[in-house]
C-alpha atoms as a PDB file:
ATOM      1  CA  MET A   1      19.365 114.859  49.547  1.00  0.00           C
ATOM      2  CA  ARG A   2      22.284 114.783  47.143  1.00  0.00           C
ATOM      3  CA  SER A   3      21.603 116.971  44.110  1.00  0.00           C
ATOM      4  CA  GLU A   4      22.889 114.316  41.702  1.00  0.00           C
ATOM      5  CA  ILE A   5      20.040 111.933  42.568  1.00  0.00           C
ATOM      6  CA  ARG A   6      17.458 112.048  39.791  1.00  0.00           C
ATOM      7  CA  GLY A   7      13.856 110.893  39.963  1.00  0.00           C
ATOM      8  CA  LYS A   8      14.382 108.024  37.536  1.00  0.00           C
ATOM      9  CA  ASP A   9      17.285 106.783  39.703  1.00  0.00           C
ATOM     10  CA  VAL A  10      14.628 105.285  41.981  1.00  0.00           C
ATOM     11  CA  ILE A  11      14.366 101.615  40.978  1.00  0.00           C
ATOM     12  CA  TYR A  12      12.197 100.275  43.790  1.00  0.00           C
ATOM     13  CA  THR A  13      10.433 101.275  46.992  1.00  0.00           C
ATOM     14  CA  LEU A  14      10.545  99.538  50.380  1.00  0.00           C
ATOM     15  CA  LEU A  15       7.170  99.879  52.116  1.00  0.00           C
ATOM     16  CA  ASP A  16       5.824  98.919  55.502  1.00  0.00           C
ATOM     17  CA  PRO A  17       3.806  95.697  54.826  1.00  0.00           C
ATOM     18  CA  ALA A  18       0.725  96.926  56.691  1.00  0.00           C
ATOM     19  CA  LEU A  19       0.522 100.024  54.510  1.00  0.00           C
ATOM     20  CA  ALA A  20       1.369  98.168  51.305  1.00  0.00           C
ATOM     21  CA  ALA A  21      -1.398  95.571  51.704  1.00  0.00           C
ATOM     22  CA  ALA A  22      -4.147  97.927  52.927  1.00  0.00           C
ATOM     23  CA  SER A  23      -6.504  99.149  50.179  1.00  0.00           C
ATOM     24  CA  LEU A  24      -6.023 102.896  50.600  1.00  0.00           C
ATOM     25  CA  PHE A  25      -5.950 103.685  46.892  1.00  0.00           C
ATOM     26  CA  ARG A  26      -8.798 103.234  44.411  1.00  0.00           C
ATOM     27  CA  ALA A  27      -9.624 103.874  40.775  1.00  0.00           C
ATOM     28  CA  PHE A  28     -12.401 106.399  40.183  1.00  0.00           C
ATOM     29  CA  LYS A  29     -13.313 108.955  37.558  1.00  0.00           C
ATOM     30  CA  SER A  30     -11.761 112.411  37.588  1.00  0.00           C
ATOM     31  CA  GLY A  31     -13.947 114.838  39.513  1.00  0.00           C
ATOM     32  CA  GLN A  32     -15.708 112.055  41.431  1.00  0.00           C
ATOM     33  CA  ARG A  33     -13.349 111.627  44.389  1.00  0.00           C
ATOM     34  CA  PRO A  34     -15.220 109.917  47.270  1.00  0.00           C
ATOM     35  CA  VAL A  35     -14.890 111.194  50.832  1.00  0.00           C
ATOM     36  CA  GLY A  36     -14.709 109.364  54.147  1.00  0.00           C
ATOM     37  CA  LEU A  37     -11.715 107.035  53.784  1.00  0.00           C
ATOM     38  CA  ALA A  38     -11.650 104.511  56.632  1.00  0.00           C
ATOM     39  CA  VAL A  39      -9.724 101.284  56.023  1.00  0.00           C
ATOM     40  CA  GLU A  40      -9.136  98.606  58.645  1.00  0.00           C
ATOM     41  CA  HIS A  41      -6.332  96.127  58.147  1.00  0.00           C
ATOM     42  CA  LYS A  42      -4.689  93.460  60.297  1.00  0.00           C
ATOM     43  CA  HIS A  43      -1.004  92.591  60.022  1.00  0.00           C
ATOM     44  CA  ASP A  44       1.297  90.699  62.391  1.00  0.00           C
ATOM     45  CA  ASN A  45      -1.347  90.659  65.173  1.00  0.00           C
ATOM     46  CA  THR A  46      -1.689  94.434  64.945  1.00  0.00           C
ATOM     47  CA  HIS A  47      -4.977  96.114  64.050  1.00  0.00           C
ATOM     48  CA  PHE A  48      -4.590  99.198  61.842  1.00  0.00           C
ATOM     49  CA  LEU A  49      -7.083 101.913  61.020  1.00  0.00           C
ATOM     50  CA  PHE A  50      -6.248 104.368  58.232  1.00  0.00           C
ATOM     51  CA  THR A  51      -8.450 107.457  57.901  1.00  0.00           C
ATOM     52  CA  CYS A  52      -8.625 110.521  55.672  1.00  0.00           C
ATOM     53  CA  TYR A  53     -11.328 112.952  54.581  1.00  0.00           C
ATOM     54  CA  GLU A  54     -10.827 112.220  50.864  1.00  0.00           C
ATOM     55  CA  TRP A  55     -10.116 108.904  49.224  1.00  0.00           C
ATOM     56  CA  LEU A  56      -6.741 108.441  47.525  1.00  0.00           C
ATOM     57  CA  ASP A  57      -6.265 107.590  43.860  1.00  0.00           C
ATOM     58  CA  VAL A  58      -3.578 106.011  41.689  1.00  0.00           C
ATOM     59  CA  ARG A  59      -1.749 109.312  41.257  1.00  0.00           C
ATOM     60  CA  ASP A  60      -1.548 109.681  45.052  1.00  0.00           C
ATOM     61  CA  GLN A  61      -0.132 106.157  45.236  1.00  0.00           C
ATOM     62  CA  SER A  62       2.492 106.988  42.603  1.00  0.00           C
ATOM     63  CA  ILE A  63       3.533 110.065  44.594  1.00  0.00           C
ATOM     64  CA  LEU A  64       3.831 108.076  47.839  1.00  0.00           C
ATOM     65  CA  LEU A  65       5.911 105.353  46.163  1.00  0.00           C
ATOM     66  CA  ALA A  66       8.157 108.049  44.676  1.00  0.00           C
ATOM     67  CA  ILE A  67       8.601 109.725  48.081  1.00  0.00           C
ATOM     68  CA  VAL A  68       9.585 106.507  49.822  1.00  0.00           C
ATOM     69  CA  GLY A  69      11.810 105.459  46.934  1.00  0.00           C
ATOM     70  CA  LEU A  70      13.682 108.780  47.023  1.00  0.00           C
ATOM     71  CA  ALA A  71      13.883 108.592  50.821  1.00  0.00           C
ATOM     72  CA  GLY A  72      15.729 105.300  50.424  1.00  0.00           C
ATOM     73  CA  LEU A  73      18.479 107.101  48.483  1.00  0.00           C
ATOM     74  CA  GLY A  74      18.973 110.216  50.608  1.00  0.00           C
ATOM     75  CA  ARG A  75      17.414 111.083  53.973  1.00  0.00           C
ATOM     76  CA  ASP A  76      17.872 112.304  57.568  1.00  0.00           C
ATOM     77  CA  LEU A  77      16.318 111.180  60.848  1.00  0.00           C
ATOM     78  CA  LEU A  78      14.018 113.448  62.812  1.00  0.00           C
ATOM     79  CA  GLY A  79      12.867 113.309  66.434  1.00  0.00           C
ATOM     80  CA  ALA A  80      11.042 115.373  69.041  1.00  0.00           C
ATOM     81  CA  GLU A  81      14.324 116.841  70.307  1.00  0.00           C
ATOM     82  CA  ASN A  82      15.336 118.505  67.012  1.00  0.00           C
ATOM     83  CA  ASP A  83      16.281 122.203  67.358  1.00  0.00           C
ATOM     84  CA  SER A  84      15.359 123.354  63.841  1.00  0.00           C
ATOM     85  CA  LEU A  85      12.089 125.314  63.615  1.00  0.00           C
ATOM     86  CA  ILE A  86      10.988 123.627  60.383  1.00  0.00           C
ATOM     87  CA  ALA A  87      12.021 120.209  61.724  1.00  0.00           C
ATOM     88  CA  ARG A  88       9.920 120.738  64.867  1.00  0.00           C
ATOM     89  CA  GLN A  89       7.007 121.773  62.659  1.00  0.00           C
ATOM     90  CA  LEU A  90       7.321 118.637  60.542  1.00  0.00           C
ATOM     91  CA  TRP A  91       7.475 116.466  63.669  1.00  0.00           C
ATOM     92  CA  SER A  92       4.482 118.106  65.340  1.00  0.00           C
ATOM     93  CA  GLU A  93       2.370 117.827  62.196  1.00  0.00           C
ATOM     94  CA  LEU A  94       2.880 114.064  62.216  1.00  0.00           C
ATOM     95  CA  HIS A  95       0.734 114.201  65.387  1.00  0.00           C
ATOM     96  CA  PRO A  96       2.744 111.534  67.271  1.00  0.00           C
ATOM     97  CA  LEU A  97       0.935 110.076  70.280  1.00  0.00           C
ATOM     98  CA  ARG A  98       2.049 107.856  73.162  1.00  0.00           C
ATOM     99  CA  ASP A  99       4.922 105.514  72.269  1.00  0.00           C
ATOM    100  CA  ALA A 100       5.315 107.260  68.889  1.00  0.00           C
ATOM    101  CA  LEU A 101       6.968 110.082  70.848  1.00  0.00           C
ATOM    102  CA  GLU A 102       9.863 107.707  71.448  1.00  0.00           C
ATOM    103  CA  GLY A 103      10.252 106.998  67.727  1.00  0.00           C
ATOM    104  CA  ARG A 104      11.871 108.694  64.785  1.00  0.00           C
ATOM    105  CA  ALA A 105      10.681 110.097  61.497  1.00  0.00           C
ATOM    106  CA  LEU A 106      12.535 110.098  58.192  1.00  0.00           C
ATOM    107  CA  VAL A 107      13.024 113.429  56.418  1.00  0.00           C
ATOM    108  CA  LEU A 108      13.388 113.707  52.657  1.00  0.00           C
ATOM    109  CA  THR A 109      14.467 116.963  51.015  1.00  0.00           C
ATOM    110  CA  THR A 110      13.549 117.058  47.332  1.00  0.00           C
ATOM    111  CA  THR A 111      11.872 119.132  44.597  1.00  0.00           C
ATOM    112  CA  CYS A 112       8.538 118.958  42.778  1.00  0.00           C
ATOM    113  CA  TYR A 113      10.267 118.081  39.522  1.00  0.00           C
ATOM    114  CA  ARG A 114      12.242 115.229  41.087  1.00  0.00           C
ATOM    115  CA  LEU A 115       9.109 113.830  42.707  1.00  0.00           C
ATOM    116  CA  LEU A 116       7.129 113.916  39.470  1.00  0.00           C
ATOM    117  CA  MET A 117       9.963 112.229  37.583  1.00  0.00           C
ATOM    118  CA  ALA A 118      10.270 109.487  40.203  1.00  0.00           C
ATOM    119  CA  ALA A 119       6.499 108.965  40.061  1.00  0.00           C
ATOM    120  CA  ASN A 120       6.645 108.804  36.240  1.00  0.00           C
ATOM    121  CA  LEU A 121       4.154 111.659  35.958  1.00  0.00           C
ATOM    122  CA  PRO A 122       4.076 114.566  33.482  1.00  0.00           C
ATOM    123  CA  THR A 123       5.759 117.845  34.416  1.00  0.00           C
ATOM    124  CA  ARG A 124       3.345 120.333  32.877  1.00  0.00           C
ATOM    125  CA  SER A 125       2.478 123.445  34.876  1.00  0.00           C
ATOM    126  CA  ASP A 126      -0.837 122.044  36.169  1.00  0.00           C
ATOM    127  CA  ASP A 127       0.886 118.835  37.265  1.00  0.00           C
ATOM    128  CA  TYR A 128       2.773 120.801  39.923  1.00  0.00           C
ATOM    129  CA  GLY A 129      -0.528 121.962  41.394  1.00  0.00           C
ATOM    130  CA  ARG A 130      -1.888 118.416  41.323  1.00  0.00           C
ATOM    131  CA  LEU A 131       1.283 117.223  43.051  1.00  0.00           C
ATOM    132  CA  LYS A 132       0.721 119.666  45.918  1.00  0.00           C
ATOM    133  CA  ASP A 133      -2.891 118.463  46.180  1.00  0.00           C
ATOM    134  CA  SER A 134      -1.635 114.870  46.427  1.00  0.00           C
ATOM    135  CA  LEU A 135       0.904 115.809  49.084  1.00  0.00           C
ATOM    136  CA  TYR A 136      -1.816 117.510  51.099  1.00  0.00           C
ATOM    137  CA  ARG A 137      -4.098 114.455  50.930  1.00  0.00           C
ATOM    138  CA  LEU A 138      -1.265 112.133  51.928  1.00  0.00           C
ATOM    139  CA  SER A 139      -0.389 114.410  54.850  1.00  0.00           C
ATOM    140  CA  GLN A 140      -3.969 114.069  56.109  1.00  0.00           C
ATOM    141  CA  VAL A 141      -3.907 110.270  56.314  1.00  0.00           C
ATOM    142  CA  GLY A 142      -4.022 109.148  59.930  1.00  0.00           C
ATOM    143  CA  CYS A 143      -2.790 105.747  61.068  1.00  0.00           C
ATOM    144  CA  ARG A 144      -3.885 104.123  64.324  1.00  0.00           C
ATOM    145  CA  ALA A 145      -2.354 100.816  65.446  1.00  0.00           C
ATOM    146  CA  ARG A 146      -3.507  98.647  68.374  1.00  0.00           C
ATOM    147  CA  ARG A 147      -1.753  95.580  69.725  1.00  0.00           C
ATOM    148  CA  ASP A 148      -1.612  93.840  73.112  1.00  0.00           C
ATOM    149  CA  GLY A 149      -3.340  96.744  74.828  1.00  0.00           C
ATOM    150  CA  PHE A 150      -1.040  99.398  73.335  1.00  0.00           C
ATOM    151  CA  ASP A 151      -2.473 102.175  71.183  1.00  0.00           C
ATOM    152  CA  TRP A 152      -0.248 104.023  68.698  1.00  0.00           C
ATOM    153  CA  SER A 153      -1.301 106.897  66.437  1.00  0.00           C
ATOM    154  CA  MET A 154       0.479 109.100  63.900  1.00  0.00           C
ATOM    155  CA  ARG A 155      -0.012 110.807  60.550  1.00  0.00           C
ATOM    156  CA  LEU A 156       1.403 109.056  57.504  1.00  0.00           C
ATOM    157  CA  LEU A 157       3.627 111.998  56.619  1.00  0.00           C
ATOM    158  CA  SER A 158       3.978 115.775  56.959  1.00  0.00           C
ATOM    159  CA  VAL A 159       5.094 118.298  54.341  1.00  0.00           C
ATOM    160  CA  ALA A 160       6.724 121.735  54.356  1.00  0.00           C
ATOM    161  CA  THR A 161       7.848 123.907  51.437  1.00  0.00           C
ATOM    162  CA  ALA A 162      11.015 125.941  51.909  1.00  0.00           C
ATOM    163  CA  PRO A 163      11.498 129.492  50.514  1.00  0.00           C
ATOM    164  CA  ASN A 164      14.012 128.141  47.954  1.00  0.00           C
ATOM    165  CA  GLY A 165      11.334 125.855  46.489  1.00  0.00           C
ATOM    166  CA  GLU A 166      12.548 122.645  48.082  1.00  0.00           C
ATOM    167  CA  ILE A 167      10.012 120.264  49.619  1.00  0.00           C
ATOM    168  CA  LEU A 168      10.691 118.674  53.007  1.00  0.00           C
ATOM    169  CA  ILE A 169       8.701 115.538  53.772  1.00  0.00           C
ATOM    170  CA  ALA A 170       8.747 113.668  57.085  1.00  0.00           C
ATOM    171  CA  LEU A 171       7.707 110.002  56.970  1.00  0.00           C
ATOM    172  CA  ASN A 172       6.498 108.331  60.159  1.00  0.00           C
ATOM    173  CA  SER A 173       8.414 105.766  62.177  1.00  0.00           C
ATOM    174  CA  ARG A 174       7.019 102.701  60.379  1.00  0.00           C
ATOM    175  CA  PHE A 175       8.772 103.907  57.218  1.00  0.00           C
ATOM    176  CA  VAL A 176      11.948 104.289  59.278  1.00  0.00           C
ATOM    177  CA  GLN A 177      11.741 100.671  60.433  1.00  0.00           C
ATOM    178  CA  ALA A 178      11.233  99.400  56.877  1.00  0.00           C
ATOM    179  CA  LEU A 179      13.981 101.499  55.296  1.00  0.00           C
ATOM    180  CA  LEU A 180      16.703 101.696  57.921  1.00  0.00           C
ATOM    181  CA  PHE A 181      16.438  99.134  60.686  1.00  0.00           C
ATOM    182  CA  ASP A 182      15.847  95.819  58.918  1.00  0.00           C
ATOM    183  CA  GLY A 183      12.174  95.846  59.781  1.00  0.00           C
ATOM    184  CA  GLN A 184       9.635  93.981  57.702  1.00  0.00           C
ATOM    185  CA  TYR A 185       9.168  95.514  54.294  1.00  0.00           C
ATOM    186  CA  VAL A 186       7.533  95.005  50.914  1.00  0.00           C
ATOM    187  CA  LYS A 187       9.500  95.784  47.759  1.00  0.00           C
ATOM    188  CA  VAL A 188       7.624  97.448  44.894  1.00  0.00           C
ATOM    189  CA  CYS A 189       9.517  97.669  41.599  1.00  0.00           C
ATOM    190  CA  LEU A 190       9.078 101.161  40.142  1.00  0.00           C
ATOM    191  CA  LYS A 191      10.800 100.133  36.902  1.00  0.00           C
ATOM    192  CA  GLU A 192       7.955  97.656  36.369  1.00  0.00           C
ATOM    193  CA  ARG A 193       5.283 100.148  37.397  1.00  0.00           C
ATOM    194  CA  ARG A 194       6.554 102.699  34.860  1.00  0.00           C
ATOM    195  CA  LYS A 195       5.765 100.210  32.078  1.00  0.00           C
ATOM    196  CA  LEU A 196       2.097  99.952  33.116  1.00  0.00           C
ATOM    197  CA  ASN A 197      -0.518 102.274  31.632  1.00  0.00           C
ATOM    198  CA  GLY A 198      -3.869 101.440  33.232  1.00  0.00           C
ATOM    199  CA  ASP A 199      -4.841 102.516  36.749  1.00  0.00           C
ATOM    200  CA  PRO A 200      -6.200  99.024  37.612  1.00  0.00           C
ATOM    201  CA  ALA A 201      -2.913  97.450  36.512  1.00  0.00           C
ATOM    202  CA  LYS A 202      -0.890  99.849  38.702  1.00  0.00           C
ATOM    203  CA  LEU A 203      -3.109  99.239  41.736  1.00  0.00           C
ATOM    204  CA  LEU A 204      -3.007  95.457  41.310  1.00  0.00           C
ATOM    205  CA  HIS A 205       0.756  95.465  40.672  1.00  0.00           C
ATOM    206  CA  ALA A 206       1.335  97.288  43.982  1.00  0.00           C
ATOM    207  CA  TRP A 207      -1.027  94.967  45.876  1.00  0.00           C
ATOM    208  CA  LEU A 208       0.397  91.789  44.320  1.00  0.00           C
ATOM    209  CA  SER A 209       3.893  93.040  45.166  1.00  0.00           C
ATOM    210  CA  ALA A 210       2.738  93.305  48.780  1.00  0.00           C
ATOM    211  CA  THR A 211       1.286  89.798  48.884  1.00  0.00           C
ATOM    212  CA  ILE A 212       3.625  87.690  46.697  1.00  0.00           C
ATOM    213  CA  ARG A 213       7.301  87.163  47.438  1.00  0.00           C
ATOM    214  CA  GLU A 214       9.801  87.634  44.626  1.00  0.00           C
ATOM    215  CA  GLY A 215      10.307  84.352  42.771  1.00  0.00           C
ATOM    216  CA  SER A 216       6.972  82.943  44.008  1.00  0.00           C
ATOM    217  CA  GLU A 217       3.399  82.652  42.790  1.00  0.00           C
ATOM    218  CA  CYS A 218       0.080  83.269  44.516  1.00  0.00           C
ATOM    219  CA  TYR A 219      -2.718  80.811  45.260  1.00  0.00           C
ATOM    220  CA  TRP A 220      -5.585  80.579  42.787  1.00  0.00           C
ATOM    221  CA  THR A 221      -7.502  83.816  43.347  1.00  0.00           C
ATOM    222  CA  GLY A 222     -10.898  84.965  42.078  1.00  0.00           C
ATOM    223  CA  LEU A 223     -11.249  87.998  39.826  1.00  0.00           C
ATOM    224  CA  ASP A 224     -13.996  89.321  42.099  1.00  0.00           C
ATOM    225  CA  THR A 225     -11.511  89.224  44.977  1.00  0.00           C
ATOM    226  CA  VAL A 226      -8.936  91.404  43.221  1.00  0.00           C
ATOM    227  CA  SER A 227     -11.581  93.747  41.804  1.00  0.00           C
ATOM    228  CA  GLN A 228     -12.170  94.909  45.376  1.00  0.00           C
ATOM    229  CA  ARG A 229      -8.556  96.122  45.503  1.00  0.00           C
ATOM    230  CA  VAL A 230      -9.328  98.487  42.626  1.00  0.00           C
ATOM    231  CA  TRP A 231     -12.949  99.606  43.072  1.00  0.00           C
ATOM    232  CA  GLY A 232     -13.912  98.587  46.595  1.00  0.00           C
ATOM    233  CA  PRO A 233     -16.733  96.234  47.681  1.00  0.00           C
ATOM    234  CA  ILE A 234     -18.307  93.972  45.054  1.00  0.00           C
ATOM    235  CA  SER A 235     -21.079  95.814  43.236  1.00  0.00           C
ATOM    236  CA  VAL A 236     -24.664  94.635  43.725  1.00  0.00           C
ATOM    237  CA  VAL A 237     -25.300  95.559  40.072  1.00  0.00           C
ATOM    238  CA  PRO A 238     -24.409  92.446  38.004  1.00  0.00           C
ATOM    239  CA  THR A 239     -23.417  94.387  34.867  1.00  0.00           C
ATOM    240  CA  THR A 240     -21.067  96.631  36.875  1.00  0.00           C
ATOM    241  CA  GLN A 241     -19.385  93.661  38.521  1.00  0.00           C
ATOM    242  CA  ARG A 242     -19.008  91.859  35.189  1.00  0.00           C
ATOM    243  CA  TRP A 243     -17.284  94.974  33.830  1.00  0.00           C
ATOM    244  CA  ARG A 244     -14.981  95.120  36.868  1.00  0.00           C
ATOM    245  CA  ARG A 245     -14.148  91.444  36.445  1.00  0.00           C
ATOM    246  CA  ALA A 246     -13.257  92.000  32.800  1.00  0.00           C
ATOM    247  CA  GLN A 247     -11.135  95.044  33.654  1.00  0.00           C
ATOM    248  CA  SER A 248      -9.332  93.069  36.390  1.00  0.00           C
ATOM    249  CA  ARG A 249      -8.511  90.356  33.873  1.00  0.00           C
ATOM    250  CA  LYS A 250      -7.248  92.975  31.426  1.00  0.00           C
ATOM    251  CA  ALA A 251      -5.079  94.533  34.163  1.00  0.00           C
ATOM    252  CA  LEU A 252      -3.556  91.165  35.052  1.00  0.00           C
ATOM    253  CA  VAL A 253      -2.740  90.538  31.394  1.00  0.00           C
ATOM    254  CA  GLU A 254      -1.010  93.937  31.286  1.00  0.00           C
ATOM    255  CA  ILE A 255       1.077  92.938  34.328  1.00  0.00           C
ATOM    256  CA  SER A 256       1.974  89.642  32.647  1.00  0.00           C
ATOM    257  CA  GLN A 257       3.389  91.619  29.708  1.00  0.00           C
ATOM    258  CA  ILE A 258       6.131  93.100  31.928  1.00  0.00           C
ATOM    259  CA  GLY A 259       7.469  89.685  32.968  1.00  0.00           C
ATOM    260  CA  TRP A 260       4.981  88.188  35.444  1.00  0.00           C
ATOM    261  CA  ARG A 261       3.684  84.708  34.442  1.00  0.00           C
ATOM    262  CA  LEU A 262      -0.109  84.399  34.429  1.00  0.00           C
ATOM    263  CA  LYS A 263      -2.607  81.526  34.239  1.00  0.00           C
ATOM    264  CA  PHE A 264      -6.422  81.598  34.184  1.00  0.00           C
ATOM    265  CA  ARG A 265      -9.082  78.972  34.788  1.00  0.00           C
ATOM    266  CA  GLY A 266     -12.873  79.123  34.795  1.00  0.00           C
ATOM    267  CA  GLU A 267     -15.226  81.705  33.319  1.00  0.00           C
ATOM    268  CA  GLY A 268     -17.445  84.500  34.625  1.00  0.00           C
ATOM    269  CA  ILE A 269     -17.963  84.555  38.367  1.00  0.00           C
ATOM    270  CA  ARG A 270     -15.826  81.377  38.628  1.00  0.00           C
ATOM    271  CA  SER A 271     -12.815  82.987  36.935  1.00  0.00           C
ATOM    272  CA  HIS A 272      -9.603  82.471  38.880  1.00  0.00           C
ATOM    273  CA  PHE A 273      -5.982  83.324  38.194  1.00  0.00           C
ATOM    274  CA  GLN A 274      -2.517  82.410  39.414  1.00  0.00           C
ATOM    275  CA  ILE A 275       0.422  84.710  38.813  1.00  0.00           C
ATOM    276  CA  TYR A 276       4.175  84.351  39.328  1.00  0.00           C
ATOM    277  CA  ARG A 277       6.214  87.338  40.471  1.00  0.00           C
ATOM    278  CA  PRO A 278       9.756  87.563  39.046  1.00  0.00           C
ATOM    279  CA  ARG A 279      12.736  88.682  41.057  1.00  0.00           C
ATOM    280  CA  ILE A 280      13.592  92.377  40.796  1.00  0.00           C
ATOM    281  CA  ARG A 281      16.749  93.034  38.811  1.00  0.00           C
ATOM    282  CA  SER A 282      18.969  95.868  40.031  1.00  0.00           C
ATOM    283  CA  ASP A 283      20.266  96.842  36.577  1.00  0.00           C
END
C-alpha cells in the first residue's frame, strides 16, 4: 500500500451485502463477551452461515470497516498459485474449499497505527494489543454459502505480521467481487460513522446503510425490530426490552444529527420510525 495513504483518507467502505446486513456485531459490556457466534442470513437466493467462537463487538466492526476501506485505496490480488511463502500462508489460512479455490483474495499491507486511525480508535499502547485481539477474532470468522446445490466455504480474512511491523491482511473473494469487479456492494460512510459516539448508533448506522439506498428512506420499522440488530433477540424481561427500545430511539436520534432525516410515530411497543439516508459526499 502506498505510504502516503493515511487512515483518515478512508471516506467510505464497500462491503459485500450479505456480510453488511448480517448481524455479526453486537453491543455488550466490557468483559462479558458471549461465545458461540452462529448467524444465518439469506441474500440473493444464497444461504449464509457465519460462525466464530467469540461474538464480535462494535470495535471489531470498526476494525473490519477500516480494513476494507483501506483495501479500496491500495491492494494486491492473491491466489493459490502465488509463490511467496507469506502469501501462500495467508491463502491457506483463509481455508478455501471447493469453488473458492478458483477465486482470488485481496491483500492489504498496512500498519497498526494506520488501521486504528482509519477505524477512528485511540492509539494508546493498550489499543495496539486490543487491535491484535480484534484481528484474531475476525480471522476466526467462518463463512459458508449454499446455493443451487453448491457449497462454498472460506474464512472472512487471514492476518500475518511481518518482521518490519507491517500487517498483511487477506480478504476473501466476496470482498474482491465488491471492491474490484462491479459486484453487488453496500457503501458505509466512515466520515458519518466517525461523528457517532454510542455503540448502538454505530451498529444501527452500519445496518441502515446496508438496507437503505442513498437518497432513499426505509419503510416504517418498529423499535423492537432494530433493537435486535444491537442486542440480539427480544428480551423476555419487559423492563430490559423497554430499556433497549429507549436506547434504540436515542441511537436513531444520534444518527439523525449527522444528516439523516428521522420521523417517529406511536409509543412504547407500538413505536415505529422512518429514516431517510442522504447521499454520501466525496469531499
